[in-house]
């Protein structure tokens, strides 16, 4: 049961090491190191094999969500997709339950893929495009596909409206513009979604959820993944190149797309939807930041930068649809 008094706890290295040994088939690790804290808490375990323990935020993902995520990755790797996979626990299941003061949290243990952090160079963008195309070629079993999250209008548009609304309620002009864009892009996607290709999506392929080894990329961090429009995965990389990157990163999109097309053909409808899905990605990002505000604070939503981002988002939407849907 979720706590009404505790939002989030950060476990000590000792607690993580001891917990991991109770649910996975190895002795207590010599230590653990907190690697990152955000949508999940990720720890590197001090073991002979390089392992990462991902502890999900309470209520953000269920045990079932985590279990089918790991199952999808196992099937994808078996089909030849270059993805990092999870290990099964002592009980034979991938997802393990951690009872924290704030409530139940879903845990997965991943084997680290060999390689290094991608650099902003054409070769690494090309490698990630190839890896993503291989992922999109994966044909999952019917039971796995049926139980994965759906990355559609509800996740990319409707949820962000609700979450951002909580953080922008004191800025009605900014919130109004955000809602107008979200409603408009939702209508736009409704008109084209029947023509878009569906498949197993990474959900967060922005260019740094991968490692590079001898020119090949392995993808990891599928927490935002599921069944969705494959063009959204490509749009996420394009979004990262256009909205968050230095001048040296912006040209990487063409190399990423070339890598993708070296494995898989991109249908015209998917290509035409990229700009709309870049906007959807920005909407999702706003929603994700707002949804996590109780964990890391929401002061940014009161900043001039937040207003600027909404204004830029609105201008981008106006250029996309003109008078048709605005």
Protein backbone atom coordinates (compact mmCIF):
# COMPACT_ATOMS: atom_id res chain seq x y z
CA UNK A 1 0.00 0.00 0.00
CA UNK A 2 1.31 3.45 -0.91
CA UNK A 3 2.28 5.76 1.91
CA UNK A 4 0.63 9.16 2.29
CA UNK A 5 3.68 10.50 4.14
CA UNK A 6 6.67 9.25 2.14
CA UNK A 7 7.19 10.08 -1.53
CA UNK A 8 10.56 8.47 -2.18
CA UNK A 9 13.34 6.72 -0.32
CA UNK A 10 16.91 6.29 -1.50
CA UNK A 11 18.35 3.01 -0.30
CA UNK A 12 21.89 2.80 1.05
CA UNK A 13 24.50 0.77 -0.81
CA UNK A 14 24.43 -1.84 1.95
CA UNK A 15 20.66 -2.19 1.82
CA UNK A 16 20.75 -2.64 -1.97
CA UNK A 17 23.52 -5.24 -1.78
CA UNK A 18 21.67 -7.23 0.88
CA UNK A 19 18.33 -7.03 -0.93
CA UNK A 20 19.83 -8.16 -4.24
CA UNK A 21 21.22 -11.33 -2.64
CA UNK A 22 17.83 -12.23 -1.17
CA UNK A 23 16.06 -12.21 -4.55
CA UNK A 24 18.82 -13.11 -7.03
CA UNK A 25 20.96 -16.27 -7.05
CA UNK A 26 24.29 -14.92 -5.78
CA UNK A 27 26.00 -14.06 -2.54
CA UNK A 28 25.79 -10.58 -1.04
CA UNK A 29 27.79 -8.29 -3.36
CA UNK A 30 30.88 -6.63 -1.94
CA UNK A 31 29.20 -3.30 -2.48
CA UNK A 32 26.85 -1.18 -4.56
CA UNK A 33 27.08 2.29 -6.08
CA UNK A 34 24.20 4.64 -6.82
CA UNK A 35 24.65 5.50 -10.50
CA UNK A 36 21.62 7.68 -11.07
CA UNK A 37 18.38 8.78 -9.46
CA UNK A 38 15.53 9.99 -11.60
CA UNK A 39 12.66 8.04 -13.05
CA UNK A 40 14.37 5.05 -11.42
CA UNK A 41 17.16 4.50 -8.93
CA UNK A 42 19.98 2.61 -10.63
CA UNK A 43 22.80 0.92 -8.72
CA UNK A 44 25.91 -0.83 -10.01
CA UNK A 45 26.64 -3.96 -7.99
CA UNK A 46 30.18 -4.99 -7.09
CA UNK A 47 30.11 -8.50 -8.56
CA UNK A 48 32.39 -10.51 -10.91
CA UNK A 49 29.90 -9.84 -13.70
CA UNK A 50 29.00 -6.18 -14.23
CA UNK A 51 25.37 -5.83 -13.12
CA UNK A 52 22.96 -2.92 -12.72
CA UNK A 53 19.95 -3.02 -10.41
CA UNK A 54 17.06 -0.79 -11.45
CA UNK A 55 14.59 0.10 -8.70
CA UNK A 56 11.49 1.72 -10.15
CA UNK A 57 9.64 4.54 -8.46
CA UNK A 58 6.65 3.48 -6.43
CA UNK A 59 3.48 3.27 -8.57
CA UNK A 60 5.25 4.34 -11.77
CA UNK A 61 5.54 0.79 -13.09
CA UNK A 62 3.89 -2.36 -11.77
CA UNK A 63 5.60 -5.71 -11.30
CA UNK A 64 3.71 -6.89 -14.37
CA UNK A 65 5.01 -3.93 -16.42
CA UNK A 66 8.59 -4.76 -15.44
CA UNK A 67 8.14 -8.49 -16.02
CA UNK A 68 6.86 -8.08 -19.57
CA UNK A 69 9.47 -5.43 -20.34
CA UNK A 70 12.17 -7.96 -19.45
CA UNK A 71 10.41 -10.73 -21.34
CA UNK A 72 10.22 -8.53 -24.45
CA UNK A 73 13.93 -7.81 -24.20
CA UNK A 74 14.73 -11.51 -23.90
CA UNK A 75 12.67 -12.22 -27.02
CA UNK A 76 14.23 -9.30 -28.87
CA UNK A 77 17.76 -10.44 -28.07
CA UNK A 78 16.90 -14.01 -29.12
CA UNK A 79 15.70 -12.57 -32.44
CA UNK A 80 19.02 -10.79 -32.95
CA UNK A 81 18.29 -7.29 -31.64
CA UNK A 82 21.24 -5.72 -29.78
CA UNK A 83 19.65 -5.02 -26.39
CA UNK A 84 20.74 -5.37 -22.76
CA UNK A 85 18.73 -8.07 -20.98
CA UNK A 86 17.60 -8.76 -17.43
CA UNK A 87 18.35 -11.75 -15.20
CA UNK A 88 15.79 -13.94 -13.50
CA UNK A 89 15.55 -14.03 -9.73
CA UNK A 90 15.52 -16.98 -7.38
CA UNK A 91 11.77 -17.31 -7.95
CA UNK A 92 12.22 -17.68 -11.72
CA UNK A 93 10.77 -14.28 -12.53
CA UNK A 94 12.52 -11.21 -13.90
CA UNK A 95 10.69 -8.58 -11.85
CA UNK A 96 11.19 -8.57 -8.10
CA UNK A 97 9.24 -6.75 -5.41
CA UNK A 98 10.92 -4.31 -3.02
CA UNK A 99 8.79 -3.12 -0.11
CA UNK A 100 9.84 0.47 0.60
CA UNK A 101 8.39 2.98 3.08
CA UNK A 102 6.47 4.63 0.22
CA UNK A 103 5.09 1.30 -1.04
CA UNK A 104 5.91 -1.45 -3.52
CA UNK A 105 8.65 -0.85 -6.07
CA UNK A 106 9.45 -3.02 -9.11
CA UNK A 107 13.06 -4.16 -9.50
CA UNK A 108 14.98 -5.52 -12.48
CA UNK A 109 18.62 -6.67 -12.65
CA UNK A 110 20.46 -6.10 -15.93
CA UNK A 111 23.68 -7.48 -17.33
CA UNK A 112 25.82 -4.58 -18.54
CA UNK A 113 26.51 -4.62 -22.26
CA UNK A 114 30.16 -4.16 -23.24
CA UNK A 115 31.15 -0.80 -24.63
CA UNK A 116 31.43 2.88 -23.86
CA UNK A 117 29.14 5.91 -23.79
CA UNK A 118 28.30 7.13 -27.31
CA UNK A 119 30.09 10.19 -28.60
CA UNK A 120 28.44 12.83 -30.74
CA UNK A 121 30.06 11.56 -33.91
CA UNK A 122 28.53 10.23 -37.15
CA UNK A 123 29.74 6.65 -36.63
CA UNK A 124 28.00 6.32 -33.28
CA UNK A 125 24.76 7.86 -34.55
CA UNK A 126 24.83 5.46 -37.50
CA UNK A 127 25.36 2.49 -35.17
CA UNK A 128 22.41 3.49 -33.00
CA UNK A 129 20.18 3.84 -36.06
CA UNK A 130 21.07 0.30 -37.11
CA UNK A 131 20.42 -1.02 -33.60
CA UNK A 132 17.01 0.64 -33.44
CA UNK A 133 16.04 -0.78 -36.83
CA UNK A 134 16.97 -4.27 -35.61
CA UNK A 135 14.76 -3.73 -32.57
CA UNK A 136 11.86 -2.68 -34.79
CA UNK A 137 12.26 -5.89 -36.78
CA UNK A 138 11.50 -7.95 -33.66
CA UNK A 139 8.34 -10.06 -33.76
CA UNK A 140 7.24 -10.68 -30.18
CA UNK A 141 5.07 -13.53 -29.01
CA UNK A 142 1.40 -12.59 -28.88
CA UNK A 143 1.21 -12.87 -25.08
CA UNK A 144 4.20 -10.59 -24.53
CA UNK A 145 3.02 -7.99 -27.03
CA UNK A 146 -0.46 -7.96 -25.52
CA UNK A 147 0.87 -7.17 -22.05
CA UNK A 148 3.26 -4.34 -22.92
CA UNK A 149 2.46 -0.67 -22.43
CA UNK A 150 0.90 1.17 -25.38
CA UNK A 151 2.72 4.29 -26.54
CA UNK A 152 -0.10 6.17 -28.15
CA UNK A 153 -2.11 9.34 -27.74
CA UNK A 154 -2.99 8.59 -24.12
CA UNK A 155 0.67 8.30 -23.03
CA UNK A 156 2.17 10.93 -25.32
CA UNK A 157 -0.57 13.59 -25.19
CA UNK A 158 -3.36 13.06 -22.65
CA UNK A 159 -1.25 12.16 -19.63
CA UNK A 160 1.15 15.10 -20.18
CA UNK A 161 -1.82 17.50 -20.26
CA UNK A 162 -2.96 16.28 -16.86
CA UNK A 163 0.49 16.26 -15.24
CA UNK A 164 1.66 19.58 -16.67
CA UNK A 165 -1.65 21.12 -15.67
CA UNK A 166 -0.82 20.51 -12.02
CA UNK A 167 2.51 22.33 -12.30
CA UNK A 168 1.32 25.20 -14.54
CA UNK A 169 -1.99 25.96 -12.82
CA UNK A 170 -0.63 29.31 -11.57
CA UNK A 171 0.41 30.29 -15.12
CA UNK A 172 -2.86 30.18 -17.08
CA UNK A 173 -1.45 31.71 -20.26
CA UNK A 174 1.37 29.17 -20.47
CA UNK A 175 -0.93 26.31 -19.54
CA UNK A 176 -3.53 27.41 -22.06
CA UNK A 177 -1.00 27.40 -24.88
CA UNK A 178 0.35 24.03 -23.79
CA UNK A 179 -3.16 22.55 -23.75
CA UNK A 180 -3.96 24.00 -27.18
CA UNK A 181 -0.86 22.40 -28.68
CA UNK A 182 -1.53 19.07 -26.96
CA UNK A 183 -5.14 19.00 -28.10
CA UNK A 184 -4.14 19.92 -31.64
CA UNK A 185 -1.38 17.36 -31.93
CA UNK A 186 -3.76 14.76 -30.51
CA UNK A 187 -6.24 15.54 -33.30
CA UNK A 188 -3.46 15.42 -35.86
CA UNK A 189 -2.24 12.02 -34.69
CA UNK A 190 -5.80 10.68 -34.72
CA UNK A 191 -5.97 11.47 -38.45
CA UNK A 192 -2.73 9.64 -39.32
CA UNK A 193 -2.35 6.86 -36.75
CA UNK A 194 -4.05 4.20 -38.87
CA UNK A 195 -1.26 4.56 -41.43
CA UNK A 196 1.64 4.41 -38.96
CA UNK A 197 3.74 1.28 -38.44
CA UNK A 198 3.49 -0.36 -35.03
CA UNK A 199 6.15 -2.39 -33.28
CA UNK A 200 8.33 -2.84 -30.23
CA UNK A 201 9.59 0.63 -29.32
CA UNK A 202 12.45 1.69 -27.10
CA UNK A 203 10.55 4.79 -26.01
CA UNK A 204 13.60 6.85 -25.03
CA UNK A 205 16.13 6.51 -27.85
CA UNK A 206 17.63 9.98 -27.49
CA UNK A 207 21.21 8.96 -28.24
CA UNK A 208 22.65 8.12 -24.83
CA UNK A 209 20.71 5.00 -23.80
CA UNK A 210 23.24 2.88 -25.62
CA UNK A 211 26.82 1.72 -25.49
CA UNK A 212 29.19 1.42 -28.45
CA UNK A 213 31.57 -1.49 -28.84
CA UNK A 214 33.71 -1.96 -31.97
CA UNK A 215 31.37 0.19 -34.03
CA UNK A 216 28.15 -1.54 -32.96
CA UNK A 217 25.53 -0.22 -30.55
CA UNK A 218 23.65 -2.04 -27.82
CA UNK A 219 20.49 -0.36 -26.52
CA UNK A 220 19.47 -0.28 -22.85
CA UNK A 221 16.99 1.44 -20.50
CA UNK A 222 13.64 0.34 -21.92
CA UNK A 223 11.60 1.66 -19.00
CA UNK A 224 9.66 3.93 -21.37
CA UNK A 225 9.25 1.24 -24.00
CA UNK A 226 6.26 -0.69 -25.26
CA UNK A 227 4.21 -1.23 -28.37
CA UNK A 228 3.86 1.96 -30.32
CA UNK A 229 4.52 3.89 -33.49
CA UNK A 230 8.06 3.08 -34.56
CA UNK A 231 8.34 6.60 -36.00
CA UNK A 232 8.14 7.89 -32.43
CA UNK A 233 11.46 6.21 -31.65
CA UNK A 234 13.10 7.95 -34.59
CA UNK A 235 11.44 11.23 -33.67
CA UNK A 236 12.93 10.97 -30.18
CA UNK A 237 16.44 10.93 -31.62
CA UNK A 238 15.54 13.79 -33.96
CA UNK A 239 14.09 15.71 -30.98
CA UNK A 240 17.33 15.32 -29.06
CA UNK A 241 19.34 16.59 -32.02
CA UNK A 242 17.13 19.63 -32.63
CA UNK A 243 16.03 20.76 -29.18
CA UNK A 244 18.78 19.90 -26.74
CA UNK A 245 21.97 19.61 -28.68
CA UNK A 246 25.00 21.64 -29.55
CA UNK A 247 25.68 22.58 -33.14
CA UNK A 248 27.97 19.53 -33.42
CA UNK A 249 25.10 17.17 -32.60
CA UNK A 250 22.41 18.50 -34.92
CA UNK A 251 23.89 16.93 -38.09
CA UNK A 252 23.86 13.47 -36.48
CA UNK A 253 20.24 12.90 -37.47
CA UNK A 254 21.14 12.19 -41.09
CA UNK A 255 23.70 9.56 -40.01
CA UNK A 256 21.25 7.99 -37.55
CA UNK A 257 18.62 7.77 -40.29
CA UNK A 258 21.13 6.29 -42.73
CA UNK A 259 22.01 3.61 -40.19
CA UNK A 260 18.33 2.83 -39.72
CA UNK A 261 17.68 2.60 -43.44
CA UNK A 262 20.66 0.27 -43.89
CA UNK A 263 18.56 -2.35 -42.08
CA UNK A 264 14.93 -1.36 -42.53
CA UNK A 265 12.85 0.68 -44.95
CA UNK A 266 11.00 3.63 -43.44
CA UNK A 267 7.51 3.84 -44.90
CA UNK A 268 6.41 7.24 -46.28
CA UNK A 269 3.64 7.63 -43.69
CA UNK A 270 6.14 7.07 -40.88
CA UNK A 271 8.55 9.57 -42.36
CA UNK A 272 5.83 12.18 -42.80
CA UNK A 273 4.77 11.82 -39.17
CA UNK A 274 8.22 12.57 -37.74
CA UNK A 275 7.66 16.29 -37.19
CA UNK A 276 4.36 15.72 -35.40
CA UNK A 277 5.98 13.07 -33.22
CA UNK A 278 8.87 15.41 -32.33
CA UNK A 279 6.19 17.69 -30.89
CA UNK A 280 4.60 14.73 -29.14
CA UNK A 281 7.97 13.86 -27.64
CA UNK A 282 8.31 17.37 -26.23
CA UNK A 283 4.81 17.10 -24.77
CA UNK A 284 5.76 13.78 -23.20
CA UNK A 285 8.92 15.32 -21.73
CA UNK A 286 6.92 18.11 -20.10
CA UNK A 287 4.56 15.54 -18.67
CA UNK A 288 7.36 13.34 -17.38
CA UNK A 289 9.07 16.26 -15.62
CA UNK A 290 5.73 17.32 -14.13
CA UNK A 291 4.82 13.81 -13.02
CA UNK A 292 8.15 13.57 -11.20
CA UNK A 293 7.90 16.98 -9.53
CA UNK A 294 7.00 15.51 -6.11
CA UNK A 295 10.35 13.71 -6.26
CA UNK A 296 12.67 16.43 -7.57
CA UNK A 297 10.69 19.65 -7.31
CA UNK A 298 8.66 21.72 -9.74
CA UNK A 299 10.34 25.12 -9.60
CA UNK A 300 11.37 24.90 -13.26
CA UNK A 301 7.71 25.18 -14.31
CA UNK A 302 7.69 28.68 -12.85
CA UNK A 303 10.73 29.76 -14.83
CA UNK A 304 11.11 31.89 -17.94
CA UNK A 305 12.70 28.86 -19.60
CA UNK A 306 9.49 26.85 -19.23
CA UNK A 307 7.50 29.66 -20.85
CA UNK A 308 10.03 29.91 -23.68
CA UNK A 309 9.82 26.17 -24.31
CA UNK A 310 6.03 26.27 -24.51
CA UNK A 311 6.18 29.24 -26.89
CA UNK A 312 8.65 27.39 -29.12
CA UNK A 313 6.48 24.30 -28.99
CA UNK A 314 3.47 26.35 -30.04
CA UNK A 315 5.33 27.95 -32.93
CA UNK A 316 6.51 24.55 -34.11
CA UNK A 317 2.96 23.22 -33.99
CA UNK A 318 1.64 26.23 -35.94
CA UNK A 319 4.22 25.61 -38.67
CA UNK A 320 3.18 21.96 -38.85
CA UNK A 321 -0.58 22.29 -39.14
CA UNK A 322 -1.22 25.89 -40.14
CA UNK A 323 -4.94 26.64 -40.17
CA UNK A 324 -6.03 22.99 -40.58
CA UNK A 325 -6.08 21.88 -36.96
CA UNK A 326 -4.89 24.82 -34.85
